Protein backbone atom coordinates (compact mmCIF):
# COMPACT_ATOMS: atom_id res chain seq x y z
CA UNK A 1 -17.20 10.81 -8.27
CA UNK A 2 -14.93 12.80 -10.57
CA UNK A 3 -11.77 13.82 -8.77
CA UNK A 4 -10.43 17.36 -8.65
CA UNK A 5 -6.64 17.49 -8.92
CA UNK A 6 -4.19 20.25 -7.98
CA UNK A 7 -0.45 19.97 -8.49
CA UNK A 8 2.19 22.10 -6.77
CA UNK A 9 5.64 21.08 -7.96
CA UNK A 10 6.18 17.54 -6.67
CA UNK A 11 2.99 17.61 -4.58
CA UNK A 12 -0.38 16.42 -5.95
CA UNK A 13 -3.70 16.85 -4.14
CA UNK A 14 -6.89 14.97 -5.02
CA UNK A 15 -10.47 15.64 -3.96
CA UNK A 16 -12.59 12.50 -3.99
CA UNK A 17 -12.97 8.96 -2.72
CA UNK A 18 -9.52 7.40 -2.26
CA UNK A 19 -10.60 3.96 -3.48
CA UNK A 20 -11.72 5.33 -6.83
CA UNK A 21 -8.79 7.72 -7.19
CA UNK A 22 -6.18 5.08 -6.36
CA UNK A 23 -7.51 2.85 -9.13
CA UNK A 24 -5.90 5.27 -11.56
CA UNK A 25 -2.45 4.87 -9.95
CA UNK A 26 0.22 2.50 -11.27
CA UNK A 27 1.19 -0.64 -9.36
CA UNK A 28 4.17 -0.29 -7.01
CA UNK A 29 4.24 3.51 -7.46
CA UNK A 30 4.32 4.61 -3.80
CA UNK A 31 7.20 4.17 -1.33
CA UNK A 32 5.45 5.08 1.93
CA UNK A 33 1.86 5.44 3.11
CA UNK A 34 1.25 7.36 6.34
CA UNK A 35 -2.36 7.98 7.25
CA UNK A 36 -4.91 8.29 10.02
CA UNK A 37 -8.35 7.27 8.71
CA UNK A 38 -11.53 8.25 10.55
CA UNK A 39 -11.82 6.17 13.71
CA UNK A 40 -15.04 4.23 14.30
CA UNK A 41 -17.96 6.53 15.15
CA UNK A 42 -15.57 9.52 15.08
CA UNK A 43 -15.46 12.69 12.94
CA UNK A 44 -19.20 12.25 12.28
CA UNK A 45 -19.61 15.88 11.22
CA UNK A 46 -16.76 15.67 8.69
CA UNK A 47 -16.71 12.05 7.49
CA UNK A 48 -20.10 10.71 8.55
CA UNK A 49 -18.78 8.18 11.09
CA UNK A 50 -18.39 4.43 10.63
CA UNK A 51 -19.96 2.03 13.13
CA UNK A 52 -17.36 -0.19 14.85
CA UNK A 53 -19.13 -3.36 13.69
CA UNK A 54 -18.86 -2.21 10.06
CA UNK A 55 -15.41 -0.65 10.22
CA UNK A 56 -13.40 -3.60 8.85
CA UNK A 57 -15.60 -4.06 5.80
CA UNK A 58 -15.52 -0.30 5.19
CA UNK A 59 -11.72 -0.11 5.32
CA UNK A 60 -10.77 -3.27 3.39
CA UNK A 61 -11.37 -1.78 -0.11
CA UNK A 62 -8.87 0.96 0.79
CA UNK A 63 -6.39 -1.69 1.98
CA UNK A 64 -6.62 -3.57 -1.31
CA UNK A 65 -5.82 -0.48 -3.38
CA UNK A 66 -3.06 0.61 -0.99
CA UNK A 67 -1.49 -2.84 -1.26
CA UNK A 68 -1.50 -2.61 -5.06
CA UNK A 69 0.06 0.87 -5.31
CA UNK A 70 2.68 0.32 -2.58
CA UNK A 71 6.14 -0.69 -3.78
CA UNK A 72 7.27 -4.21 -2.86
CA UNK A 73 9.84 -2.67 -0.49
CA UNK A 74 7.56 0.09 0.75
CA UNK A 75 5.86 0.57 4.13
CA UNK A 76 2.34 1.41 5.30
CA UNK A 77 1.96 3.20 8.67
CA UNK A 78 -1.61 3.16 10.01
CA UNK A 79 -2.52 5.45 12.91
CA UNK A 80 -5.61 3.99 14.57
CA UNK A 81 -7.12 3.39 18.01
CA UNK A 82 -9.80 1.10 19.42
CA UNK A 83 -13.03 2.70 20.57
CA UNK A 84 -14.72 1.91 23.89
CA UNK A 85 -18.18 0.42 23.35
CA UNK A 86 -20.44 -0.61 26.25
CA UNK A 87 -17.60 -0.38 28.76
CA UNK A 88 -14.97 -2.39 26.84
CA UNK A 89 -12.57 -1.91 23.97
CA UNK A 90 -14.06 -2.89 20.62
CA UNK A 91 -12.07 -5.44 18.63
CA UNK A 92 -12.31 -3.78 15.20
CA UNK A 93 -8.58 -2.91 15.07
CA UNK A 94 -7.56 -6.49 15.87
CA UNK A 95 -10.09 -7.80 13.36
CA UNK A 96 -8.74 -5.41 10.72
CA UNK A 97 -5.15 -6.57 11.29
CA UNK A 98 -6.20 -10.22 10.89
CA UNK A 99 -8.15 -9.47 7.69
CA UNK A 100 -5.25 -7.50 6.24
CA UNK A 101 -2.91 -10.42 6.91
CA UNK A 102 -5.28 -12.66 4.94
CA UNK A 103 -4.91 -10.23 2.03
CA UNK A 104 -1.10 -10.48 2.02
CA UNK A 105 -0.08 -7.70 4.38
CA UNK A 106 2.67 -8.44 6.91
CA UNK A 107 2.10 -7.00 10.40
CA UNK A 108 5.76 -6.09 10.83
CA UNK A 109 5.85 -3.79 13.83
CA UNK A 110 3.79 -1.60 16.11
CA UNK A 111 4.86 1.84 17.30
CA UNK A 112 3.28 3.76 20.15
CA UNK A 113 2.60 7.49 20.00
CA UNK A 114 2.75 8.72 23.60
CA UNK A 115 0.91 12.04 23.82
CA UNK A 116 3.19 13.70 26.31
CA UNK A 117 0.97 16.77 26.81
CA UNK A 118 -2.26 14.83 27.36
CA UNK A 119 -4.64 16.37 29.89
CA UNK A 120 -5.23 14.33 33.09
CA UNK A 121 -8.58 12.68 33.68
CA UNK A 122 -10.42 9.50 34.59
CA UNK A 123 -13.64 7.58 34.05
CA UNK A 124 -15.35 5.09 36.43
CA UNK A 125 -13.52 2.13 34.88
CA UNK A 126 -10.45 3.59 33.12
CA UNK A 127 -8.01 6.49 32.88
CA UNK A 128 -7.58 8.95 30.04
CA UNK A 129 -5.97 7.66 26.84
CA UNK A 130 -2.50 9.13 26.34
CA UNK A 131 -1.29 6.92 23.48
CA UNK A 132 -2.27 5.71 20.03
CA UNK A 133 -1.23 2.85 17.78
CA UNK A 134 1.01 3.31 14.74
CA UNK A 135 0.89 -0.06 13.01
CA UNK A 136 3.53 -0.93 10.42
CA UNK A 137 2.50 -3.13 7.49
CA UNK A 138 4.68 -4.34 4.63
CA UNK A 139 4.30 -6.48 1.52
CA UNK A 140 7.66 -8.18 2.05
CA UNK A 141 10.07 -8.93 4.88
CA UNK A 142 12.66 -6.96 2.91
CA UNK A 143 11.75 -3.27 2.97
CA UNK A 144 13.62 0.03 2.85
CA UNK A 145 14.56 1.41 6.27
CA UNK A 146 17.05 4.19 7.02
CA UNK A 147 17.56 3.80 10.76
CA UNK A 148 20.49 6.21 11.00
CA UNK A 149 18.17 9.06 9.98
CA UNK A 150 16.21 8.88 13.25
CA UNK A 151 19.00 8.37 15.79
CA UNK A 152 18.66 10.27 19.07
CA UNK A 153 21.17 11.72 21.58
CA UNK A 154 22.39 9.01 23.94
CA UNK A 155 21.46 11.03 27.04
CA UNK A 156 23.17 12.05 30.27
CA UNK A 157 22.69 8.61 31.83
CA UNK A 158 25.64 7.35 29.79
CA UNK A 159 28.14 9.57 31.63
CA UNK A 160 27.84 7.67 34.88
CA UNK A 161 26.79 4.27 33.52
CA UNK A 162 29.67 3.96 31.05
CA UNK A 163 32.34 5.47 33.31
CA UNK A 164 33.13 2.23 35.16
CA UNK A 165 32.41 -0.90 33.15
CA UNK A 166 32.39 -4.34 34.72
CA UNK A 167 33.81 -7.41 33.01
CA UNK A 168 30.26 -8.43 32.06
CA UNK A 169 29.71 -5.04 30.42
CA UNK A 170 32.61 -5.75 28.06
CA UNK A 171 31.18 -8.93 26.55
CA UNK A 172 27.89 -9.88 24.93
CA UNK A 173 25.74 -10.65 27.94
CA UNK A 174 22.89 -12.97 26.95
CA UNK A 175 19.40 -12.48 28.38
CA UNK A 176 18.74 -14.60 31.45
CA UNK A 177 15.28 -15.61 30.15
CA UNK A 178 16.73 -17.58 27.23
CA UNK A 179 15.38 -15.32 24.50
CA UNK A 180 18.67 -15.32 22.59
CA UNK A 181 18.96 -11.52 22.86
CA UNK A 182 21.96 -9.93 24.49
CA UNK A 183 23.87 -6.70 24.85
CA UNK A 184 27.43 -5.47 25.09
CA UNK A 185 27.38 -2.25 27.12
CA UNK A 186 30.91 -1.32 26.02
CA UNK A 187 29.66 -0.84 22.45
CA UNK A 188 28.03 2.42 23.61
CA UNK A 189 31.26 4.01 24.85
CA UNK A 190 32.09 7.17 22.90
CA UNK A 191 28.79 7.26 21.03
CA UNK A 192 26.82 10.50 20.92
CA UNK A 193 23.71 9.06 19.25
CA UNK A 194 21.82 5.77 19.53
CA UNK A 195 18.81 4.16 17.88
CA UNK A 196 15.41 5.06 19.36
CA UNK A 197 12.77 2.72 20.77
CA UNK A 198 9.38 2.09 19.17
CA UNK A 199 7.71 4.64 21.47
CA UNK A 200 7.40 8.19 20.09
CA UNK A 201 7.00 10.85 22.79
CA UNK A 202 5.29 13.67 20.90
CA UNK A 203 2.89 16.39 21.97
CA UNK A 204 -0.53 16.52 20.36
CA UNK A 205 -1.31 19.24 17.83
CA UNK A 206 -2.56 22.16 19.90
CA UNK A 207 -2.87 24.85 17.22
CA UNK A 208 -6.23 24.93 15.49
CA UNK A 209 -5.74 23.43 12.03
CA UNK A 210 -9.51 23.34 11.34
CA UNK A 211 -9.37 19.55 11.62
CA UNK A 212 -10.96 17.37 14.27
CA UNK A 213 -7.92 15.11 14.79
CA UNK A 214 -4.70 16.56 13.37
CA UNK A 215 -1.58 14.73 14.47
CA UNK A 216 1.73 16.58 15.10
CA UNK A 217 4.08 17.40 12.22
CA UNK A 218 6.90 15.47 13.91
CA UNK A 219 4.97 12.20 13.67
CA UNK A 220 4.85 11.77 9.86
CA UNK A 221 8.21 13.52 9.62
CA UNK A 222 9.81 10.76 11.73
CA UNK A 223 8.39 7.94 9.59
CA UNK A 224 9.23 9.71 6.33
CA UNK A 225 12.87 9.98 7.44
CA UNK A 226 12.90 6.34 8.59
CA UNK A 227 11.34 4.69 5.54
CA UNK A 228 12.15 6.94 2.54
CA UNK A 229 14.91 8.91 0.90
CA UNK A 230 14.66 12.24 -0.98
CA UNK A 231 12.75 11.83 -4.24
CA UNK A 232 10.60 8.94 -2.97
CA UNK A 233 6.81 9.13 -3.05
CA UNK A 234 4.70 9.51 0.11
CA UNK A 235 0.92 9.00 0.09
CA UNK A 236 -1.77 9.99 2.59
CA UNK A 237 -5.21 8.79 1.36
CA UNK A 238 -6.96 10.56 4.27
CA UNK A 239 -4.86 13.73 4.27
CA UNK A 240 -7.15 15.87 6.46
CA UNK A 241 -5.28 19.11 7.25
CA UNK A 242 -2.29 17.88 5.20
CA UNK A 243 0.32 17.33 7.90
CA UNK A 244 1.84 14.28 6.17
CA UNK A 245 1.85 16.07 2.82
CA UNK A 246 3.52 19.14 4.31
CA UNK A 247 6.25 17.08 6.00
CA UNK A 248 6.91 15.04 2.84
CA UNK A 249 7.18 18.21 0.75
CA UNK A 250 9.55 19.84 3.25
CA UNK A 251 11.79 16.75 3.24
CA UNK A 252 12.11 16.67 -0.56
CA UNK A 253 9.77 13.77 -1.20
CA UNK A 254 7.00 13.56 -3.79
CA UNK A 255 3.72 13.92 -1.93
CA UNK A 256 0.23 12.68 -2.82
CA UNK A 257 -2.74 13.70 -0.71
CA UNK A 258 -6.33 12.54 -1.08
CA UNK A 259 -9.43 13.58 0.84
CA UNK A 260 -13.15 13.24 0.24
CA UNK A 261 -13.91 16.30 2.35
CA UNK A 262 -13.89 19.43 0.21
CA UNK A 263 -13.16 21.77 3.13
CA UNK A 264 -9.96 19.88 4.01
CA UNK A 265 -8.96 19.62 0.37
CA UNK A 266 -9.32 23.37 -0.11
CA UNK A 267 -7.52 24.06 3.18
CA UNK A 268 -4.44 22.11 2.04
CA UNK A 269 -4.61 23.37 -1.56
CA UNK A 270 -4.73 26.98 -0.38
CA UNK A 271 -1.81 26.36 1.96
CA UNK A 272 0.35 25.04 -0.89
CA UNK A 273 -0.86 27.74 -3.27
CA UNK A 274 0.21 30.47 -0.82
CA UNK A 275 3.54 28.70 -0.25
CA UNK A 276 4.19 28.47 -3.96
CA UNK A 277 3.15 32.10 -4.50
CA UNK A 278 5.57 33.25 -1.78
CA UNK A 279 8.39 31.36 -3.52
CA UNK A 280 7.60 33.03 -6.85
CA UNK A 281 7.40 36.43 -5.16
CA UNK A 282 10.78 35.83 -3.50
CA UNK A 283 12.29 34.78 -6.83
CA UNK A 284 10.89 37.94 -8.48
CA UNK A 285 12.27 40.06 -5.62
CA UNK A 286 15.72 38.47 -5.93
CA UNK A 287 15.69 38.94 -9.71
CA UNK A 288 14.68 42.60 -9.26
CA UNK A 289 17.52 43.12 -6.74
CA UNK A 290 20.03 41.59 -9.14
CA UNK A 291 18.86 43.83 -11.97
CA UNK A 292 19.16 46.92 -9.76
CA UNK A 293 22.65 45.91 -8.70
CA UNK A 294 23.97 45.51 -12.23
CA UNK A 295 22.00 48.25 -14.01
């Protein structure tokens, strides 16, 4: 398949199969990959659906190309969720993680996206899902990470908890289970911001983006801040409605989006075209105002 390409400043959009398109990319040319591929047997109308038993073999060619184009200190964030088949969770996500590790990927961390506005509900043998996996993979144990960029307010709890410290609070108190971890509560005195946990409490995307599974803007935004700096390159090989690409562009990163679905490709391309046109129109308006002022 011959790929269609559109470029808007530092953003490039590709229409076509990501495996074939990525083969034209240089090694180590991407700093961060954030993507949500079609889940097993999902998005059948838009992507055709992949049977859970065949999912790993379908996804591995993408993994190989992503591994090649990712910088040695880059990060890959994979948003994925197991499907229920015949009353139990299918193991295709676990199987995929194990196969990726055989190919050199390091399973560094796992984040949880808690969908805080999830509708209530239940089934005979389970409750409604209100979370999804965000799995972090790396090529090396040394990778770029800017933790200060995602610090959060310490919260009102600190006012009472830190007001009267015990002697134990003023020293490094080791865990009683022998894990080697410990904490010194007094280190938090006077701090307005602290590091977050690995659980992201974000509402689902409620506005209709003409996509069957658009995740919220704040989700890729958070990872882009954490793992890249301005000028770095962010890739989404299954860009869908372009949320990752939009966030990367807004944060001053180079953005690369790929999708095999022409409707999604055109949706994102039109969005960036209109954005670019509005910038040009604003520049023309400002130039016209300046001319009027000095003529």
